[in-house]
Amino acid sequence: MPIVLAILLAVAGFVWWSWGRRRAGDEVAFRLDKLFRRKPCRWNGTGDAKGALLEYRCATCGVAAYSRTGKGPNDCKRNLRGGL
């Protein structure tokens, strides 16, 4: 009986420890993400057109992108690399 009680206490302690550690890790990760978060792109039309595509330039990061709609792209394009 004492061995079963010790095992149950060990399992309960491990669950409590891992839950507390995960929660603390989430808090640290959230604060780091908030610290290093980039500003979202603000797309401004340049007026240049390449066929059906309209050119937009981001006021935040300066990258150029193209869109077929009357609005700028949804995603930031600064991490894309050109070339074939």
Protein backbone atom coordinates (compact mmCIF):
# COMPACT_ATOMS: atom_id res chain seq x y z
CA MET A 1 0.00 0.00 0.00
CA PRO A 2 2.74 2.57 0.79
CA ILE A 3 4.32 1.91 -2.63
CA VAL A 4 1.04 2.61 -4.44
CA LEU A 5 0.61 5.83 -2.43
CA ALA A 6 4.17 6.88 -3.27
CA ILE A 7 3.58 6.19 -6.98
CA LEU A 8 0.33 8.19 -6.94
CA LEU A 9 2.08 11.11 -5.21
CA ALA A 10 4.94 10.93 -7.73
CA VAL A 11 2.50 10.98 -10.69
CA ALA A 12 0.54 13.87 -9.17
CA GLY A 13 3.77 15.78 -8.53
CA PHE A 14 4.97 15.21 -12.08
CA VAL A 15 1.63 16.40 -13.55
CA TRP A 16 1.67 19.49 -11.34
CA TRP A 17 5.32 20.25 -12.22
CA SER A 18 4.84 19.83 -15.98
CA TRP A 19 1.64 21.94 -15.99
CA GLY A 20 3.34 24.75 -14.07
CA ARG A 21 6.39 24.60 -16.29
CA ARG A 22 4.33 24.71 -19.48
CA ARG A 23 2.30 27.64 -18.19
CA ALA A 24 5.46 29.54 -17.23
CA GLY A 25 6.96 28.73 -20.64
CA ASP A 26 3.87 30.10 -22.40
CA GLU A 27 4.18 33.35 -20.45
CA VAL A 28 7.85 33.72 -21.37
CA ALA A 29 7.17 32.88 -25.03
CA PHE A 30 4.31 35.40 -25.15
CA ARG A 31 6.49 38.16 -23.73
CA LEU A 32 9.33 37.40 -26.16
CA ASP A 33 6.90 37.38 -29.11
CA LYS A 34 5.51 40.71 -27.98
CA LEU A 35 9.02 42.13 -27.67
CA PHE A 36 10.22 40.99 -31.11
CA ARG A 37 6.94 41.33 -33.04
CA ARG A 38 7.25 43.10 -36.38
CA LYS A 39 4.90 45.82 -37.45
CA PRO A 40 2.38 44.69 -40.06
CA CYS A 41 2.88 45.82 -43.65
CA ARG A 42 1.03 48.89 -44.90
CA TRP A 43 0.67 48.53 -48.67
CA ASN A 44 0.59 51.65 -50.84
CA GLY A 45 -0.19 51.46 -54.55
CA THR A 46 2.58 52.80 -56.83
CA GLY A 47 0.37 53.12 -59.92
CA ASP A 48 2.61 50.83 -61.97
CA ALA A 49 0.93 47.88 -63.65
CA LYS A 50 2.43 44.76 -65.17
CA GLY A 51 -0.42 43.36 -67.25
CA ALA A 52 -3.21 42.41 -64.85
CA LEU A 53 -1.00 42.90 -61.76
CA LEU A 54 -0.81 46.14 -59.80
CA GLU A 55 2.38 47.01 -57.94
CA TYR A 56 2.28 47.83 -54.23
CA ARG A 57 5.12 48.96 -51.98
CA CYS A 58 5.17 48.37 -48.22
CA ALA A 59 5.60 51.52 -46.16
CA THR A 60 6.96 49.50 -43.22
CA CYS A 61 9.65 47.30 -44.79
CA GLY A 62 9.99 48.77 -48.31
CA VAL A 63 9.43 45.56 -50.28
CA ALA A 64 7.49 45.61 -53.58
CA ALA A 65 4.71 43.11 -54.29
CA TYR A 66 1.97 42.61 -56.84
CA SER A 67 -1.74 41.93 -56.55
CA ARG A 68 -4.65 41.40 -58.94
CA THR A 69 -7.23 42.86 -56.58
CA GLY A 70 -7.67 46.52 -55.78
CA LYS A 71 -6.06 45.96 -52.36
CA GLY A 72 -2.50 45.19 -51.39
CA PRO A 73 -1.29 41.64 -50.66
CA ASN A 74 -2.46 39.92 -47.49
CA ASP A 75 0.96 38.68 -46.38
CA CYS A 76 4.32 40.37 -45.98
CA LYS A 77 6.73 39.47 -48.80
CA ARG A 78 10.01 40.51 -47.14
CA ASN A 79 11.12 36.91 -46.55
CA LEU A 80 10.64 35.77 -50.16
CA ARG A 81 13.77 35.40 -52.26
CA GLY A 82 13.81 35.94 -56.01
CA GLY A 83 15.41 33.76 -58.61
CA LEU A 84 14.74 30.49 -60.36
